[in-house]
PDB file of all heavy atoms in Angstrom:
ATOM      1  N   LEU A   1       0.859  -1.193   0.000  1.00  0.00           N
ATOM      2  CA  LEU A   1       0.000   0.000   0.000  1.00  0.00           C
ATOM      3  C   LEU A   1       0.891   1.237   0.000  1.00  0.00           C
ATOM      4  O   LEU A   1       1.719   1.396   0.908  1.00  0.00           O
ATOM      5  CB  LEU A   1      -0.905  -0.011   1.227  1.00  0.00           C
ATOM      6  CG  LEU A   1      -1.732   1.248   1.478  1.00  0.00           C
ATOM      7  CD1 LEU A   1      -2.700   1.483   0.326  1.00  0.00           C
ATOM      8  CD2 LEU A   1      -2.467   1.137   2.802  1.00  0.00           C
ATOM      9  N   VAL A   2       0.724   2.085  -1.008  1.00  0.00           N
ATOM     10  CA  VAL A   2       1.507   3.310  -1.111  1.00  0.00           C
ATOM     11  C   VAL A   2       0.589   4.468  -1.455  1.00  0.00           C
ATOM     12  O   VAL A   2      -0.585   4.265  -1.759  1.00  0.00           O
ATOM     13  CB  VAL A   2       2.620   3.187  -2.182  1.00  0.00           C
ATOM     14  CG1 VAL A   2       3.623   2.101  -1.809  1.00  0.00           C
ATOM     15  CG2 VAL A   2       2.017   2.931  -3.557  1.00  0.00           C
ATOM     16  N   GLN A   3       1.149   5.662  -1.430  1.00  0.00           N
ATOM     17  CA  GLN A   3       0.382   6.849  -1.771  1.00  0.00           C
ATOM     18  C   GLN A   3       0.701   7.285  -3.214  1.00  0.00           C
ATOM     19  O   GLN A   3       1.729   6.901  -3.780  1.00  0.00           O
ATOM     20  CB  GLN A   3       0.706   7.979  -0.808  1.00  0.00           C
ATOM     21  CG  GLN A   3       0.284   7.697   0.618  1.00  0.00           C
ATOM     22  CD  GLN A   3       0.535   8.877   1.540  1.00  0.00           C
ATOM     23  OE1 GLN A   3       1.448   9.669   1.318  1.00  0.00           O
ATOM     24  NE2 GLN A   3      -0.282   8.995   2.576  1.00  0.00           N
ATOM     25  N   THR A   4      -0.187   8.092  -3.753  1.00  0.00           N
ATOM     26  CA  THR A   4       0.022   8.634  -5.099  1.00  0.00           C
ATOM     27  C   THR A   4       1.385   9.311  -5.189  1.00  0.00           C
ATOM     28  O   THR A   4       1.752  10.103  -4.313  1.00  0.00           O
ATOM     29  CB  THR A   4      -1.081   9.630  -5.442  1.00  0.00           C
ATOM     30  OG1 THR A   4      -2.342   8.944  -5.438  1.00  0.00           O
ATOM     31  CG2 THR A   4      -0.861  10.238  -6.810  1.00  0.00           C
ATOM     32  N   GLY A   5       2.113   8.997  -6.244  1.00  0.00           N
ATOM     33  CA  GLY A   5       3.428   9.567  -6.457  1.00  0.00           C
ATOM     34  C   GLY A   5       4.581   8.745  -5.903  1.00  0.00           C
ATOM     35  O   GLY A   5       5.748   9.009  -6.237  1.00  0.00           O
ATOM     36  N   ASP A   6       4.268   7.767  -5.076  1.00  0.00           N
ATOM     37  CA  ASP A   6       5.305   6.906  -4.502  1.00  0.00           C
ATOM     38  C   ASP A   6       5.825   5.902  -5.534  1.00  0.00           C
ATOM     39  O   ASP A   6       5.306   5.804  -6.652  1.00  0.00           O
ATOM     40  CB  ASP A   6       4.760   6.158  -3.296  1.00  0.00           C
ATOM     41  CG  ASP A   6       4.632   7.031  -2.061  1.00  0.00           C
ATOM     42  OD1 ASP A   6       5.130   8.176  -2.098  1.00  0.00           O
ATOM     43  OD2 ASP A   6       4.023   6.576  -1.077  1.00  0.00           O
ATOM     44  N   SER A   7       6.833   5.142  -5.107  1.00  0.00           N
ATOM     45  CA  SER A   7       7.432   4.107  -5.948  1.00  0.00           C
ATOM     46  C   SER A   7       7.363   2.755  -5.253  1.00  0.00           C
ATOM     47  O   SER A   7       7.321   2.679  -4.019  1.00  0.00           O
ATOM     48  CB  SER A   7       8.901   4.441  -6.247  1.00  0.00           C
ATOM     49  OG  SER A   7       9.023   5.648  -6.967  1.00  0.00           O
ATOM     50  N   LEU A   8       7.355   1.718  -6.056  1.00  0.00           N
ATOM     51  CA  LEU A   8       7.459   0.344  -5.574  1.00  0.00           C
ATOM     52  C   LEU A   8       8.301  -0.433  -6.571  1.00  0.00           C
ATOM     53  O   LEU A   8       8.317  -0.104  -7.770  1.00  0.00           O
ATOM     54  CB  LEU A   8       6.084  -0.330  -5.488  1.00  0.00           C
ATOM     55  CG  LEU A   8       5.234  -0.183  -4.242  1.00  0.00           C
ATOM     56  CD1 LEU A   8       3.909  -0.899  -4.430  1.00  0.00           C
ATOM     57  CD2 LEU A   8       5.941  -0.693  -3.009  1.00  0.00           C
ATOM     58  N   ARG A   9       8.956  -1.467  -6.074  1.00  0.00           N
ATOM     59  CA  ARG A   9       9.683  -2.355  -6.963  1.00  0.00           C
ATOM     60  C   ARG A   9       9.191  -3.779  -6.735  1.00  0.00           C
ATOM     61  O   ARG A   9       9.344  -4.322  -5.637  1.00  0.00           O
ATOM     62  CB  ARG A   9      11.187  -2.271  -6.745  1.00  0.00           C
ATOM     63  CG  ARG A   9      11.968  -3.066  -7.790  1.00  0.00           C
ATOM     64  CD  ARG A   9      13.454  -2.802  -7.705  1.00  0.00           C
ATOM     65  NE  ARG A   9      14.042  -3.262  -6.472  1.00  0.00           N
ATOM     66  CZ  ARG A   9      15.336  -3.183  -6.189  1.00  0.00           C
ATOM     67  NH1 ARG A   9      16.165  -2.651  -7.083  1.00  0.00           N
ATOM     68  NH2 ARG A   9      15.792  -3.621  -5.046  1.00  0.00           N
ATOM     69  N   LEU A  10       8.620  -4.348  -7.774  1.00  0.00           N
ATOM     70  CA  LEU A  10       8.155  -5.719  -7.718  1.00  0.00           C
ATOM     71  C   LEU A  10       9.240  -6.661  -8.225  1.00  0.00           C
ATOM     72  O   LEU A  10      10.037  -6.291  -9.101  1.00  0.00           O
ATOM     73  CB  LEU A  10       6.901  -5.904  -8.573  1.00  0.00           C
ATOM     74  CG  LEU A  10       5.726  -4.985  -8.288  1.00  0.00           C
ATOM     75  CD1 LEU A  10       4.537  -5.369  -9.167  1.00  0.00           C
ATOM     76  CD2 LEU A  10       5.346  -4.995  -6.824  1.00  0.00           C
ATOM     77  N   SER A  11       9.253  -7.867  -7.672  1.00  0.00           N
ATOM     78  CA  SER A  11      10.201  -8.886  -8.119  1.00  0.00           C
ATOM     79  C   SER A  11       9.446 -10.124  -8.556  1.00  0.00           C
ATOM     80  O   SER A  11       8.425 -10.488  -7.960  1.00  0.00           O
ATOM     81  CB  SER A  11      11.174  -9.245  -6.994  1.00  0.00           C
ATOM     82  OG  SER A  11      12.035  -8.182  -6.705  1.00  0.00           O
ATOM     83  N   CYS A  12       9.987 -10.791  -9.566  1.00  0.00           N
ATOM     84  CA  CYS A  12       9.474 -12.073 -10.035  1.00  0.00           C
ATOM     85  C   CYS A  12      10.646 -13.038  -9.988  1.00  0.00           C
ATOM     86  O   CYS A  12      11.580 -12.931 -10.802  1.00  0.00           O
ATOM     87  CB  CYS A  12       8.925 -11.952 -11.447  1.00  0.00           C
ATOM     88  SG  CYS A  12       8.419 -13.512 -12.201  1.00  0.00           S
ATOM     89  N   ALA A  13      10.609 -13.957  -9.028  1.00  0.00           N
ATOM     90  CA  ALA A  13      11.692 -14.918  -8.860  1.00  0.00           C
ATOM     91  C   ALA A  13      11.321 -16.219  -9.548  1.00  0.00           C
ATOM     92  O   ALA A  13      10.269 -16.792  -9.262  1.00  0.00           O
ATOM     93  CB  ALA A  13      11.959 -15.151  -7.379  1.00  0.00           C
ATOM     94  N   ALA A  14      12.199 -16.672 -10.439  1.00  0.00           N
ATOM     95  CA  ALA A  14      11.968 -17.906 -11.179  1.00  0.00           C
ATOM     96  C   ALA A  14      12.846 -19.017 -10.634  1.00  0.00           C
ATOM     97  O   ALA A  14      14.012 -18.794 -10.296  1.00  0.00           O
ATOM     98  CB  ALA A  14      12.252 -17.688 -12.659  1.00  0.00           C
ATOM     99  N   SER A  15      12.273 -20.221 -10.570  1.00  0.00           N
ATOM    100  CA  SER A  15      13.037 -21.389 -10.142  1.00  0.00           C
ATOM    101  C   SER A  15      12.659 -22.579 -11.013  1.00  0.00           C
ATOM    102  O   SER A  15      11.649 -22.558 -11.712  1.00  0.00           O
ATOM    103  CB  SER A  15      12.790 -21.699  -8.666  1.00  0.00           C
ATOM    104  OG  SER A  15      11.425 -21.962  -8.440  1.00  0.00           O
ATOM    105  N   GLY A  16      13.466 -23.621 -10.943  1.00  0.00           N
ATOM    106  CA  GLY A  16      13.234 -24.793 -11.786  1.00  0.00           C
ATOM    107  C   GLY A  16      14.002 -24.670 -13.082  1.00  0.00           C
ATOM    108  O   GLY A  16      15.136 -24.215 -13.104  1.00  0.00           O
ATOM    109  N   ARG A  17      13.357 -25.011 -14.191  1.00  0.00           N
ATOM    110  CA  ARG A  17      14.014 -25.018 -15.503  1.00  0.00           C
ATOM    111  C   ARG A  17      14.064 -23.610 -16.093  1.00  0.00           C
ATOM    112  O   ARG A  17      13.503 -23.310 -17.149  1.00  0.00           O
ATOM    113  CB  ARG A  17      13.282 -25.952 -16.444  1.00  0.00           C
ATOM    114  CG  ARG A  17      13.478 -27.430 -16.134  1.00  0.00           C
ATOM    115  CD  ARG A  17      14.902 -27.874 -16.407  1.00  0.00           C
ATOM    116  NE  ARG A  17      15.376 -27.491 -17.711  1.00  0.00           N
ATOM    117  CZ  ARG A  17      15.155 -28.185 -18.823  1.00  0.00           C
ATOM    118  NH1 ARG A  17      14.455 -29.301 -18.782  1.00  0.00           N
ATOM    119  NH2 ARG A  17      15.640 -27.765 -19.987  1.00  0.00           N
ATOM    120  N   THR A  18      14.801 -22.747 -15.423  1.00  0.00           N
ATOM    121  CA  THR A  18      14.870 -21.345 -15.862  1.00  0.00           C
ATOM    122  C   THR A  18      15.577 -21.194 -17.207  1.00  0.00           C
ATOM    123  O   THR A  18      15.414 -20.176 -17.881  1.00  0.00           O
ATOM    124  CB  THR A  18      15.561 -20.483 -14.802  1.00  0.00           C
ATOM    125  OG1 THR A  18      16.860 -21.017 -14.554  1.00  0.00           O
ATOM    126  CG2 THR A  18      14.760 -20.468 -13.510  1.00  0.00           C
ATOM    127  N   ASP A  19      16.354 -22.202 -17.601  1.00  0.00           N
ATOM    128  CA  ASP A  19      17.027 -22.142 -18.893  1.00  0.00           C
ATOM    129  C   ASP A  19      16.038 -22.166 -20.051  1.00  0.00           C
ATOM    130  O   ASP A  19      16.383 -21.808 -21.178  1.00  0.00           O
ATOM    131  CB  ASP A  19      18.000 -23.310 -19.024  1.00  0.00           C
ATOM    132  CG  ASP A  19      17.309 -24.650 -18.863  1.00  0.00           C
ATOM    133  OD1 ASP A  19      16.672 -24.894 -17.822  1.00  0.00           O
ATOM    134  OD2 ASP A  19      17.388 -25.476 -19.802  1.00  0.00           O
ATOM    135  N   ARG A  20      14.804 -22.573 -19.781  1.00  0.00           N
ATOM    136  CA  ARG A  20      13.785 -22.641 -20.836  1.00  0.00           C
ATOM    137  C   ARG A  20      13.075 -21.308 -21.054  1.00  0.00           C
ATOM    138  O   ARG A  20      12.359 -21.136 -22.034  1.00  0.00           O
ATOM    139  CB  ARG A  20      12.740 -23.692 -20.472  1.00  0.00           C
ATOM    140  CG  ARG A  20      13.245 -25.114 -20.396  1.00  0.00           C
ATOM    141  CD  ARG A  20      12.083 -26.059 -20.155  1.00  0.00           C
ATOM    142  NE  ARG A  20      11.112 -25.948 -21.240  1.00  0.00           N
ATOM    143  CZ  ARG A  20       9.851 -26.378 -21.143  1.00  0.00           C
ATOM    144  NH1 ARG A  20       9.411 -26.909 -20.014  1.00  0.00           N
ATOM    145  NH2 ARG A  20       9.032 -26.267 -22.170  1.00  0.00           N
ATOM    146  N   ILE A  21      13.274 -20.356 -20.163  1.00  0.00           N
ATOM    147  CA  ILE A  21      12.525 -19.099 -20.238  1.00  0.00           C
ATOM    148  C   ILE A  21      13.018 -18.247 -21.406  1.00  0.00           C
ATOM    149  O   ILE A  21      14.207 -17.969 -21.527  1.00  0.00           O
ATOM    150  CB  ILE A  21      12.641 -18.306 -18.929  1.00  0.00           C
ATOM    151  CG1 ILE A  21      12.009 -19.089 -17.777  1.00  0.00           C
ATOM    152  CG2 ILE A  21      11.936 -16.951 -19.080  1.00  0.00           C
ATOM    153  CD1 ILE A  21      12.183 -18.424 -16.429  1.00  0.00           C
ATOM    154  N   SER A  22      12.075 -17.809 -22.238  1.00  0.00           N
ATOM    155  CA  SER A  22      12.380 -16.922 -23.355  1.00  0.00           C
ATOM    156  C   SER A  22      11.964 -15.482 -23.052  1.00  0.00           C
ATOM    157  O   SER A  22      12.636 -14.545 -23.467  1.00  0.00           O
ATOM    158  CB  SER A  22      11.648 -17.381 -24.621  1.00  0.00           C
ATOM    159  OG  SER A  22      12.008 -18.685 -24.963  1.00  0.00           O
ATOM    160  N   VAL A  23      10.861 -15.333 -22.354  1.00  0.00           N
ATOM    161  CA  VAL A  23      10.314 -14.008 -22.056  1.00  0.00           C
ATOM    162  C   VAL A  23       9.685 -14.059 -20.664  1.00  0.00           C
ATOM    163  O   VAL A  23       9.071 -15.060 -20.282  1.00  0.00           O
ATOM    164  CB  VAL A  23       9.219 -13.598 -23.072  1.00  0.00           C
ATOM    165  CG1 VAL A  23       8.585 -12.264 -22.702  1.00  0.00           C
ATOM    166  CG2 VAL A  23       9.790 -13.554 -24.481  1.00  0.00           C
ATOM    167  N   ILE A  24       9.832 -12.986 -19.921  1.00  0.00           N
ATOM    168  CA  ILE A  24       9.052 -12.755 -18.698  1.00  0.00           C
ATOM    169  C   ILE A  24       8.222 -11.503 -18.932  1.00  0.00           C
ATOM    170  O   ILE A  24       8.756 -10.463 -19.363  1.00  0.00           O
ATOM    171  CB  ILE A  24       9.932 -12.566 -17.461  1.00  0.00           C
ATOM    172  CG1 ILE A  24      10.630 -13.875 -17.084  1.00  0.00           C
ATOM    173  CG2 ILE A  24       9.100 -12.040 -16.288  1.00  0.00           C
ATOM    174  CD1 ILE A  24       9.764 -14.873 -16.351  1.00  0.00           C
ATOM    175  N   GLY A  25       6.937 -11.622 -18.637  1.00  0.00           N
ATOM    176  CA  GLY A  25       6.043 -10.479 -18.764  1.00  0.00           C
ATOM    177  C   GLY A  25       5.377 -10.152 -17.449  1.00  0.00           C
ATOM    178  O   GLY A  25       5.231 -11.015 -16.576  1.00  0.00           O
ATOM    179  N   TRP A  26       4.987  -8.896 -17.305  1.00  0.00           N
ATOM    180  CA  TRP A  26       4.191  -8.458 -16.163  1.00  0.00           C
ATOM    181  C   TRP A  26       2.808  -8.047 -16.677  1.00  0.00           C
ATOM    182  O   TRP A  26       2.699  -7.323 -17.676  1.00  0.00           O
ATOM    183  CB  TRP A  26       4.832  -7.270 -15.458  1.00  0.00           C
ATOM    184  CG  TRP A  26       5.980  -7.610 -14.563  1.00  0.00           C
ATOM    185  CD1 TRP A  26       7.310  -7.534 -14.866  1.00  0.00           C
ATOM    186  CD2 TRP A  26       5.899  -8.060 -13.206  1.00  0.00           C
ATOM    187  NE1 TRP A  26       8.067  -7.920 -13.789  1.00  0.00           N
ATOM    188  CE2 TRP A  26       7.226  -8.242 -12.742  1.00  0.00           C
ATOM    189  CE3 TRP A  26       4.851  -8.324 -12.321  1.00  0.00           C
ATOM    190  CZ2 TRP A  26       7.529  -8.667 -11.448  1.00  0.00           C
ATOM    191  CZ3 TRP A  26       5.157  -8.752 -11.045  1.00  0.00           C
ATOM    192  CH2 TRP A  26       6.470  -8.922 -10.618  1.00  0.00           C
ATOM    193  N   PHE A  27       1.794  -8.504 -15.961  1.00  0.00           N
ATOM    194  CA  PHE A  27       0.421  -8.130 -16.231  1.00  0.00           C
ATOM    195  C   PHE A  27      -0.217  -7.673 -14.930  1.00  0.00           C
ATOM    196  O   PHE A  27       0.314  -7.923 -13.850  1.00  0.00           O
ATOM    197  CB  PHE A  27      -0.358  -9.331 -16.785  1.00  0.00           C
ATOM    198  CG  PHE A  27       0.078  -9.736 -18.167  1.00  0.00           C
ATOM    199  CD1 PHE A  27       1.245 -10.464 -18.355  1.00  0.00           C
ATOM    200  CD2 PHE A  27      -0.667  -9.392 -19.275  1.00  0.00           C
ATOM    201  CE1 PHE A  27       1.670 -10.831 -19.626  1.00  0.00           C
ATOM    202  CE2 PHE A  27      -0.275  -9.754 -20.551  1.00  0.00           C
ATOM    203  CZ  PHE A  27       0.898 -10.479 -20.724  1.00  0.00           C
ATOM    204  N   ARG A  28      -1.362  -7.028 -15.034  1.00  0.00           N
ATOM    205  CA  ARG A  28      -2.076  -6.625 -13.832  1.00  0.00           C
ATOM    206  C   ARG A  28      -3.568  -6.765 -14.061  1.00  0.00           C
ATOM    207  O   ARG A  28      -4.051  -6.700 -15.185  1.00  0.00           O
ATOM    208  CB  ARG A  28      -1.726  -5.195 -13.430  1.00  0.00           C
ATOM    209  CG  ARG A  28      -2.175  -4.124 -14.425  1.00  0.00           C
ATOM    210  CD  ARG A  28      -1.634  -2.770 -14.000  1.00  0.00           C
ATOM    211  NE  ARG A  28      -2.095  -1.699 -14.889  1.00  0.00           N
ATOM    212  CZ  ARG A  28      -1.691  -0.433 -14.798  1.00  0.00           C
ATOM    213  NH1 ARG A  28      -0.824  -0.075 -13.861  1.00  0.00           N
ATOM    214  NH2 ARG A  28      -2.162   0.466 -15.635  1.00  0.00           N
ATOM    215  N   GLN A  29      -4.274  -6.954 -12.956  1.00  0.00           N
ATOM    216  CA  GLN A  29      -5.722  -7.077 -13.033  1.00  0.00           C
ATOM    217  C   GLN A  29      -6.361  -6.335 -11.867  1.00  0.00           C
ATOM    218  O   GLN A  29      -6.113  -6.681 -10.701  1.00  0.00           O
ATOM    219  CB  GLN A  29      -6.152  -8.541 -13.023  1.00  0.00           C
ATOM    220  CG  GLN A  29      -7.624  -8.742 -13.307  1.00  0.00           C
ATOM    221  CD  GLN A  29      -7.955 -10.173 -13.660  1.00  0.00           C
ATOM    222  OE1 GLN A  29      -7.205 -11.097 -13.363  1.00  0.00           O
ATOM    223  NE2 GLN A  29      -9.095 -10.374 -14.313  1.00  0.00           N
ATOM    224  N   ALA A  30      -7.148  -5.339 -12.205  1.00  0.00           N
ATOM    225  CA  ALA A  30      -7.896  -4.581 -11.209  1.00  0.00           C
ATOM    226  C   ALA A  30      -9.252  -5.237 -11.006  1.00  0.00           C
ATOM    227  O   ALA A  30      -9.749  -5.948 -11.891  1.00  0.00           O
ATOM    228  CB  ALA A  30      -8.061  -3.144 -11.672  1.00  0.00           C
ATOM    229  N   PRO A  31      -9.890  -5.005  -9.860  1.00  0.00           N
ATOM    230  CA  PRO A  31     -11.202  -5.615  -9.598  1.00  0.00           C
ATOM    231  C   PRO A  31     -12.210  -5.265 -10.687  1.00  0.00           C
ATOM    232  O   PRO A  31     -12.350  -4.100 -11.061  1.00  0.00           O
ATOM    233  CB  PRO A  31     -11.599  -4.999  -8.257  1.00  0.00           C
ATOM    234  CG  PRO A  31     -10.320  -4.656  -7.607  1.00  0.00           C
ATOM    235  CD  PRO A  31      -9.394  -4.248  -8.717  1.00  0.00           C
ATOM    236  N   GLY A  32     -12.865  -6.289 -11.206  1.00  0.00           N
ATOM    237  CA  GLY A  32     -13.894  -6.071 -12.211  1.00  0.00           C
ATOM    238  C   GLY A  32     -13.380  -5.783 -13.604  1.00  0.00           C
ATOM    239  O   GLY A  32     -14.171  -5.492 -14.508  1.00  0.00           O
ATOM    240  N   LYS A  33     -12.067  -5.867 -13.789  1.00  0.00           N
ATOM    241  CA  LYS A  33     -11.482  -5.573 -15.103  1.00  0.00           C
ATOM    242  C   LYS A  33     -10.713  -6.774 -15.627  1.00  0.00           C
ATOM    243  O   LYS A  33     -10.346  -7.675 -14.876  1.00  0.00           O
ATOM    244  CB  LYS A  33     -10.563  -4.357 -15.021  1.00  0.00           C
ATOM    245  CG  LYS A  33     -11.278  -3.058 -14.677  1.00  0.00           C
ATOM    246  CD  LYS A  33     -10.338  -1.878 -14.800  1.00  0.00           C
ATOM    247  CE  LYS A  33     -11.067  -0.577 -14.539  1.00  0.00           C
ATOM    248  NZ  LYS A  33     -10.169   0.601 -14.695  1.00  0.00           N
ATOM    249  N   GLU A  34     -10.460  -6.757 -16.927  1.00  0.00           N
ATOM    250  CA  GLU A  34      -9.678  -7.820 -17.534  1.00  0.00           C
ATOM    251  C   GLU A  34      -8.193  -7.652 -17.210  1.00  0.00           C
ATOM    252  O   GLU A  34      -7.739  -6.553 -16.887  1.00  0.00           O
ATOM    253  CB  GLU A  34      -9.879  -7.814 -19.051  1.00  0.00           C
ATOM    254  CG  GLU A  34     -11.290  -8.183 -19.484  1.00  0.00           C
ATOM    255  CD  GLU A  34     -11.408  -8.312 -20.988  1.00  0.00           C
ATOM    256  OE1 GLU A  34     -10.440  -7.999 -21.694  1.00  0.00           O
ATOM    257  OE2 GLU A  34     -12.479  -8.727 -21.452  1.00  0.00           O
ATOM    258  N   ARG A  35      -7.477  -8.752 -17.334  1.00  0.00           N
ATOM    259  CA  ARG A  35      -6.036  -8.697 -17.129  1.00  0.00           C
ATOM    260  C   ARG A  35      -5.405  -7.836 -18.219  1.00  0.00           C
ATOM    261  O   ARG A  35      -5.727  -7.970 -19.402  1.00  0.00           O
ATOM    262  CB  ARG A  35      -5.454 -10.103 -17.151  1.00  0.00           C
ATOM    263  CG  ARG A  35      -4.023 -10.184 -16.668  1.00  0.00           C
ATOM    264  CD  ARG A  35      -3.627 -11.616 -16.378  1.00  0.00           C
ATOM    265  NE  ARG A  35      -4.365 -12.155 -15.247  1.00  0.00           N
ATOM    266  CZ  ARG A  35      -4.109 -13.318 -14.681  1.00  0.00           C
ATOM    267  NH1 ARG A  35      -3.124 -14.082 -15.159  1.00  0.00           N
ATOM    268  NH2 ARG A  35      -4.819 -13.758 -13.668  1.00  0.00           N
TER     269      ARG A  35
END
């Protein structure tokens, strides 16, 4: 939870067969909306 104008840094940690990964994407979904 932050205020307007603030910053956050999200992390996505991968494990397992990470050598197979070609692309990592970020998506978001707000309540009542599509991803």
